[in-house]
Amino acid sequence: MKWTKWSKVAGLFLFFAVLPFLAGSAHGQKPIELAFALHTAPGGPDHAAVHKFKEWIESRSKGRIKVPIFPGGQLGGERENLEQLKQGEVALTQFGETVVLVHAPEYSPFAVPFVLPNVDTVYKYWDGKMGTQIKNIVVAKGKVHVLGMQRRGSRMLTAKKEVKTPDDLKGVKMRLPDTAPDWIAVWKEMGVIPTAVAWPEVFGALQTGVVEAQENPLYLIYTTKLYEVQSHVMLTAHLHSLFYWTMSDKILTSLPGDLKELVVKTVDEAARYGDKMAQEQEEDFKKKLADAGMKVMKVDTKPFVAKAQPAIERIRQKWAPGVYEEVNRVIAGK
């Protein structure tokens, strides 16, 4: 009887000891890893938002999801990340305009310098029928989903000299991404010599003189320490960039229904968090760049806009039907 009594006690002990493991295996003992690739350097609102996503999703999923983050181009630049998403080698990333320029360039007037005047018009364009069309095309062609957006900041010109007018750019070797032919066309109209350099290599290219100028949002100019290799930043605000939170279709569709819904909702919240942060920090980064030794210059953008018009007119001919009318609608505030 004593043996039977202690056997029961031991049996109960073992049951409660392994219960957590049994419960864990019911959900899949090993958590699902959603690798998040970032081609940008840490320190900006993009990374802050991604870390907030990691915090929220790991907590809300009760450990069923883990998000390893690979910053600073560890897994390659945007082109590499785009292919990794398609193949399901990474789960998530943030792109600039690349994801649209590769898959739906005929629907992307927001990716042409000096077309849309502010970030509100960019959001209005995405909120309309063209935004829905882009998302459908990106899934069909690229096997990726655009799940969220946050402002990246207006793109500004930097150089190793003062630039007041387009004439000052004649013959300047300017870094431009090879995924953005419309950018190249517009800046070529200004007289620059376009030079394709992948983002992780830009600092070195500026340092060695492979290129002499580039353009990016203020926070990225600061976090990448371009103030060490560029002396002037011109507040051209020629493009109002967003970060597009994108996810591999292969991975998203493989998730259990409840986790899929949780990921989509949490991405949207994290993107809104990053958007608010970016909006609040833009003026702060002007000061940081000035404190770091850069000359932060206001410029009259009218001559740049006028100089860009022949290129914009040629680009407009390639837009899909209805895009030009939609651009006019959002600019008019309708």
Protein backbone atom coordinates (compact mmCIF):
# COMPACT_ATOMS: atom_id res chain seq x y z
CA MET A 1 0.00 0.00 0.00
CA LYS A 2 2.81 2.34 0.86
CA TRP A 3 4.47 1.57 -2.49
CA THR A 4 1.23 2.24 -4.31
CA LYS A 5 0.72 5.52 -2.46
CA TRP A 6 4.20 6.82 -3.30
CA SER A 7 3.88 5.59 -6.87
CA LYS A 8 0.79 7.77 -7.23
CA VAL A 9 2.63 10.74 -5.73
CA ALA A 10 5.60 10.22 -8.05
CA GLY A 11 3.28 9.85 -11.00
CA LEU A 12 1.53 13.13 -10.21
CA PHE A 13 4.89 14.87 -9.78
CA LEU A 14 6.08 13.69 -13.18
CA PHE A 15 2.77 14.70 -14.78
CA PHE A 16 3.00 18.29 -13.51
CA ALA A 17 6.70 18.43 -14.34
CA VAL A 18 6.15 17.64 -18.03
CA LEU A 19 2.86 19.54 -18.35
CA PRO A 20 4.52 22.76 -19.58
CA PHE A 21 6.33 20.81 -22.30
CA LEU A 22 3.15 19.04 -23.34
CA ALA A 23 1.37 22.40 -23.52
CA GLY A 24 4.26 23.86 -25.52
CA SER A 25 4.19 21.03 -28.04
CA ALA A 26 0.46 21.56 -28.55
CA HIS A 27 1.28 24.93 -30.10
CA GLY A 28 4.54 23.71 -31.64
CA GLN A 29 7.32 23.55 -29.08
CA LYS A 30 9.68 25.49 -31.32
CA PRO A 31 8.48 29.06 -31.96
CA ILE A 32 7.97 30.26 -35.53
CA GLU A 33 10.85 32.53 -36.55
CA LEU A 34 10.02 35.51 -38.75
CA ALA A 35 13.40 36.83 -39.92
CA PHE A 36 13.30 40.60 -40.50
CA ALA A 37 15.92 41.98 -42.91
CA LEU A 38 16.81 45.68 -42.92
CA HIS A 39 19.16 47.27 -45.46
CA THR A 40 19.47 50.47 -43.40
CA ALA A 41 21.71 51.24 -40.42
CA PRO A 42 20.25 51.32 -36.89
CA GLY A 43 19.33 54.55 -35.17
CA GLY A 44 16.32 55.81 -37.11
CA PRO A 45 12.54 55.53 -36.71
CA ASP A 46 12.49 52.59 -39.14
CA HIS A 47 14.53 50.43 -36.76
CA ALA A 48 12.65 51.73 -33.72
CA ALA A 49 9.37 50.65 -35.31
CA VAL A 50 10.73 47.21 -36.21
CA HIS A 51 11.93 46.64 -32.65
CA LYS A 52 8.50 47.72 -31.40
CA PHE A 53 6.94 45.17 -33.77
CA LYS A 54 9.26 42.48 -32.38
CA GLU A 55 8.32 43.41 -28.80
CA TRP A 56 4.59 43.41 -29.49
CA ILE A 57 4.34 40.31 -31.66
CA GLU A 58 6.48 38.14 -29.38
CA SER A 59 4.42 39.22 -26.37
CA ARG A 60 1.00 38.99 -28.04
CA SER A 61 1.74 35.57 -29.55
CA LYS A 62 2.82 34.34 -26.10
CA GLY A 63 6.14 33.17 -27.46
CA ARG A 64 4.74 31.35 -30.49
CA ILE A 65 6.55 33.86 -32.75
CA LYS A 66 10.14 35.09 -32.50
CA VAL A 67 11.55 37.87 -34.69
CA PRO A 68 15.32 37.81 -35.30
CA ILE A 69 16.39 41.15 -36.83
CA PHE A 70 19.23 41.49 -39.35
CA PRO A 71 20.09 45.22 -39.69
CA GLY A 72 22.53 47.21 -41.79
CA GLY A 73 22.40 45.11 -44.94
CA GLN A 74 23.61 41.92 -43.25
CA LEU A 75 21.45 39.93 -45.66
CA GLY A 76 22.16 42.18 -48.64
CA GLY A 77 20.62 45.24 -50.22
CA GLU A 78 17.06 45.79 -51.39
CA ARG A 79 17.36 43.66 -54.52
CA GLU A 80 18.66 40.71 -52.53
CA ASN A 81 15.96 41.18 -49.88
CA LEU A 82 13.28 41.27 -52.58
CA GLU A 83 14.37 37.88 -53.90
CA GLN A 84 14.70 36.48 -50.36
CA LEU A 85 11.09 37.44 -49.65
CA LYS A 86 9.91 35.81 -52.86
CA GLN A 87 11.68 32.56 -51.98
CA GLY A 88 10.57 32.66 -48.34
CA GLU A 89 14.17 32.92 -47.09
CA VAL A 90 13.23 35.94 -44.96
CA ALA A 91 9.77 36.80 -43.68
CA LEU A 92 9.71 40.58 -43.52
CA THR A 93 11.58 43.66 -44.59
CA GLN A 94 11.13 47.37 -45.16
CA PHE A 95 11.68 48.80 -48.63
CA GLY A 96 11.80 52.28 -49.99
CA GLU A 97 10.18 52.59 -53.41
CA THR A 98 12.11 49.57 -54.76
CA VAL A 99 9.32 47.04 -54.22
CA VAL A 100 6.98 49.13 -56.41
CA LEU A 101 9.56 50.24 -58.96
CA VAL A 102 10.49 46.63 -59.67
CA HIS A 103 6.97 45.22 -59.92
CA ALA A 104 4.59 48.10 -60.77
CA PRO A 105 6.59 51.10 -62.08
CA GLU A 106 3.69 52.28 -64.26
CA TYR A 107 1.67 52.96 -61.08
CA SER A 108 4.33 54.87 -59.13
CA PRO A 109 4.21 58.65 -59.69
CA PHE A 110 5.13 59.04 -55.99
CA ALA A 111 8.54 57.62 -56.92
CA VAL A 112 9.27 60.38 -59.46
CA PRO A 113 11.11 63.40 -58.04
CA PHE A 114 9.26 66.74 -58.02
CA VAL A 115 5.79 65.26 -58.82
CA LEU A 116 3.82 64.95 -55.57
CA PRO A 117 4.30 68.03 -53.35
CA ASN A 118 4.07 66.48 -49.85
CA VAL A 119 3.69 63.21 -47.96
CA ASP A 120 -0.08 63.70 -47.49
CA THR A 121 -0.59 63.45 -51.26
CA VAL A 122 1.46 60.23 -51.29
CA TYR A 123 -0.78 58.69 -48.64
CA LYS A 124 -3.92 59.86 -50.48
CA TYR A 125 -2.69 58.19 -53.65
CA TRP A 126 -2.11 54.91 -51.80
CA ASP A 127 -5.52 55.13 -50.13
CA GLY A 128 -7.23 55.29 -53.53
CA LYS A 129 -7.85 52.72 -56.23
CA MET A 130 -4.27 52.87 -57.50
CA GLY A 131 -2.94 51.77 -54.14
CA THR A 132 -5.14 48.68 -54.22
CA GLN A 133 -3.98 47.93 -57.75
CA ILE A 134 -0.31 48.18 -56.75
CA LYS A 135 -0.75 45.80 -53.83
CA ASN A 136 -2.45 43.23 -56.06
CA ILE A 137 0.31 43.45 -58.68
CA VAL A 138 3.09 43.15 -56.10
CA VAL A 139 1.55 39.95 -54.72
CA ALA A 140 1.01 38.50 -58.20
CA LYS A 141 4.45 39.32 -59.56
CA GLY A 142 6.71 39.43 -56.54
CA LYS A 143 4.95 37.09 -54.11
CA VAL A 144 5.13 39.75 -51.39
CA HIS A 145 2.46 41.64 -49.46
CA VAL A 146 2.60 45.35 -48.64
CA LEU A 147 1.19 45.26 -45.10
CA GLY A 148 2.02 48.72 -43.77
CA MET A 149 3.59 52.09 -44.52
CA GLN A 150 5.41 54.74 -42.57
CA ARG A 151 6.93 57.99 -43.65
CA ARG A 152 10.62 57.80 -44.29
CA GLY A 153 11.08 61.53 -44.61
CA SER A 154 11.51 63.87 -47.54
CA ARG A 155 14.57 63.08 -49.63
CA MET A 156 17.26 65.74 -49.64
CA LEU A 157 20.31 66.27 -51.81
CA THR A 158 23.80 66.05 -50.31
CA ALA A 159 27.08 66.96 -52.00
CA LYS A 160 30.67 67.93 -51.39
CA LYS A 161 29.83 71.49 -52.42
CA GLU A 162 27.02 74.02 -52.27
CA VAL A 163 24.22 73.45 -54.79
CA LYS A 164 21.88 76.40 -55.34
CA THR A 165 20.56 75.68 -58.84
CA PRO A 166 20.50 72.76 -61.27
CA ASP A 167 23.46 74.35 -63.06
CA ASP A 168 25.61 73.52 -60.02
CA LEU A 169 24.98 69.82 -60.66
CA LYS A 170 26.37 69.68 -64.18
CA GLY A 171 28.93 66.89 -64.42
CA VAL A 172 28.52 65.80 -60.78
CA LYS A 173 28.71 62.03 -60.23
CA MET A 174 25.57 61.28 -58.25
CA ARG A 175 24.64 58.00 -56.60
CA LEU A 176 21.24 56.77 -57.67
CA PRO A 177 19.74 53.28 -57.17
CA ASP A 178 19.69 51.14 -60.30
CA THR A 179 16.13 50.10 -59.42
CA ALA A 180 14.83 53.62 -60.07
CA PRO A 181 15.15 54.54 -63.77
CA ASP A 182 12.72 57.44 -63.38
CA TRP A 183 14.91 58.99 -60.68
CA ILE A 184 17.86 58.61 -63.01
CA ALA A 185 15.97 60.29 -65.84
CA VAL A 186 14.98 63.30 -63.71
CA TRP A 187 18.44 63.85 -62.21
CA LYS A 188 20.10 63.33 -65.57
CA GLU A 189 17.94 66.19 -66.81
CA MET A 190 19.66 68.29 -64.13
CA GLY A 191 23.05 67.48 -65.67
CA VAL A 192 24.35 64.88 -63.21
CA ILE A 193 26.25 61.74 -64.17
CA PRO A 194 24.07 58.97 -62.64
CA THR A 195 26.09 56.25 -60.93
CA ALA A 196 24.48 53.07 -59.60
CA VAL A 197 25.71 52.10 -56.13
CA ALA A 198 23.97 49.65 -53.76
CA TRP A 199 23.02 51.31 -50.48
CA PRO A 200 25.43 49.38 -48.22
CA GLU A 201 28.30 50.61 -50.44
CA VAL A 202 27.34 54.30 -50.60
CA PHE A 203 29.53 55.55 -47.73
CA GLY A 204 32.64 54.00 -49.26
CA ALA A 205 31.77 55.29 -52.73
CA LEU A 206 31.44 58.85 -51.41
CA GLN A 207 34.61 58.50 -49.38
CA THR A 208 36.69 57.34 -52.35
CA GLY A 209 35.17 59.73 -54.89
CA VAL A 210 33.38 57.08 -56.95
CA VAL A 211 30.41 59.40 -56.46
CA GLU A 212 30.24 63.01 -55.24
CA ALA A 213 26.59 63.43 -54.34
CA GLN A 214 23.55 61.43 -53.28
CA GLU A 215 20.01 61.96 -51.97
CA ASN A 216 18.16 60.48 -49.01
CA PRO A 217 16.01 61.40 -46.01
CA LEU A 218 17.72 63.39 -43.26
CA TYR A 219 17.62 60.64 -40.65
CA LEU A 220 19.36 58.19 -43.01
CA ILE A 221 22.01 60.76 -43.90
CA TYR A 222 22.67 61.09 -40.18
CA THR A 223 22.50 57.45 -39.07
CA THR A 224 24.78 56.40 -41.93
CA LYS A 225 27.23 59.18 -40.94
CA LEU A 226 27.30 60.69 -44.41
CA TYR A 227 28.29 63.95 -42.73
CA GLU A 228 31.79 62.44 -42.62
CA VAL A 229 31.98 62.30 -46.43
CA GLN A 230 29.59 65.10 -47.52
CA SER A 231 29.79 68.77 -46.57
CA HIS A 232 26.38 70.15 -47.66
CA VAL A 233 22.77 69.05 -47.42
CA MET A 234 20.28 70.92 -49.59
CA LEU A 235 16.64 70.86 -48.42
CA THR A 236 15.23 69.99 -51.84
CA ALA A 237 12.42 67.74 -50.51
CA HIS A 238 12.15 66.41 -54.06
CA LEU A 239 10.56 63.11 -53.08
CA HIS A 240 8.40 62.24 -50.09
CA SER A 241 9.45 58.71 -49.29
CA LEU A 242 7.68 56.00 -47.38
CA PHE A 243 8.93 52.76 -45.93
CA TYR A 244 6.86 49.83 -47.13
CA TRP A 245 6.54 46.97 -44.65
CA THR A 246 6.47 43.88 -46.81
CA MET A 247 6.06 40.19 -46.05
CA SER A 248 6.76 37.01 -47.96
CA ASP A 249 3.56 35.51 -49.38
CA LYS A 250 5.05 32.06 -48.89
CA ILE A 251 5.52 32.64 -45.16
CA LEU A 252 2.38 34.70 -44.49
CA THR A 253 0.09 32.10 -46.05
CA SER A 254 1.79 29.30 -44.11
CA LEU A 255 0.93 30.81 -40.72
CA PRO A 256 -2.02 29.55 -38.66
CA GLY A 257 -5.04 31.81 -39.11
CA ASP A 258 -4.82 33.46 -35.69
CA LEU A 259 -1.11 34.25 -36.09
CA LYS A 260 -1.59 35.54 -39.62
CA GLU A 261 -4.24 37.98 -38.36
CA LEU A 262 -2.01 38.99 -35.45
CA VAL A 263 1.00 39.67 -37.68
CA VAL A 264 -1.01 41.82 -40.12
CA LYS A 265 -2.55 43.85 -37.29
CA THR A 266 0.74 44.30 -35.44
CA VAL A 267 2.61 45.40 -38.57
CA ASP A 268 -0.01 48.10 -39.12
CA GLU A 269 0.33 49.34 -35.54
CA ALA A 270 4.14 49.32 -35.63
CA ALA A 271 4.16 51.20 -38.95
CA ARG A 272 1.90 53.88 -37.47
CA TYR A 273 4.24 54.10 -34.47
CA GLY A 274 7.22 54.62 -36.80
CA ASP A 275 5.32 57.15 -38.90
CA LYS A 276 4.58 59.32 -35.89
CA MET A 277 8.17 59.10 -34.72
CA ALA A 278 9.56 60.06 -38.14
CA GLN A 279 7.25 63.07 -38.31
CA GLU A 280 8.40 64.29 -34.91
CA GLN A 281 12.11 63.80 -35.57
CA GLU A 282 12.65 65.53 -38.93
CA GLU A 283 13.54 68.93 -37.46
CA ASP A 284 15.75 67.24 -34.88
CA PHE A 285 17.84 65.60 -37.60
CA LYS A 286 18.45 68.97 -39.28
CA LYS A 287 20.02 70.14 -36.05
CA LYS A 288 22.00 66.93 -35.59
CA LEU A 289 23.47 67.21 -39.08
CA ALA A 290 24.39 70.85 -38.50
CA ASP A 291 26.01 69.93 -35.17
CA ALA A 292 27.96 67.22 -36.99
CA GLY A 293 29.45 69.86 -39.28
CA MET A 294 27.21 69.83 -42.35
CA LYS A 295 25.91 73.02 -43.87
CA VAL A 296 22.12 72.65 -43.97
CA MET A 297 20.86 74.86 -46.80
CA LYS A 298 17.41 76.00 -47.84
CA VAL A 299 17.09 76.18 -51.61
CA ASP A 300 14.55 77.60 -54.02
CA THR A 301 13.14 74.43 -55.59
CA LYS A 302 11.32 76.21 -58.43
CA PRO A 303 14.31 76.06 -60.83
CA PHE A 304 14.73 72.35 -60.06
CA VAL A 305 11.03 71.66 -60.70
CA ALA A 306 11.17 73.58 -63.99
CA LYS A 307 14.33 71.79 -65.09
CA ALA A 308 12.76 68.40 -64.32
CA GLN A 309 9.62 68.94 -66.42
CA PRO A 310 10.86 67.50 -69.76
CA ALA A 311 11.87 64.26 -68.00
CA ILE A 312 8.61 64.13 -66.02
CA GLU A 313 6.61 64.59 -69.22
CA ARG A 314 8.42 61.65 -70.85
CA ILE A 315 7.91 59.49 -67.75
CA ARG A 316 4.20 60.37 -67.63
CA GLN A 317 3.69 58.74 -71.01
CA LYS A 318 4.58 55.37 -69.41
CA TRP A 319 2.07 55.64 -66.56
CA ALA A 320 -0.89 53.29 -66.55
CA PRO A 321 -4.29 54.68 -67.62
CA GLY A 322 -5.82 56.78 -64.87
CA VAL A 323 -2.58 57.48 -62.97
CA TYR A 324 -2.15 61.03 -64.27
CA GLU A 325 -5.77 61.86 -63.38
CA GLU A 326 -5.28 60.36 -59.91
CA VAL A 327 -2.15 62.51 -59.39
CA ASN A 328 -4.12 65.64 -60.28
CA ARG A 329 -6.92 64.56 -57.93
CA VAL A 330 -4.72 64.11 -54.87
CA ILE A 331 -2.80 67.33 -55.56
CA ALA A 332 -6.09 69.21 -55.77
CA GLY A 333 -7.09 67.70 -52.43
CA LYS A 334 -10.22 66.02 -53.79
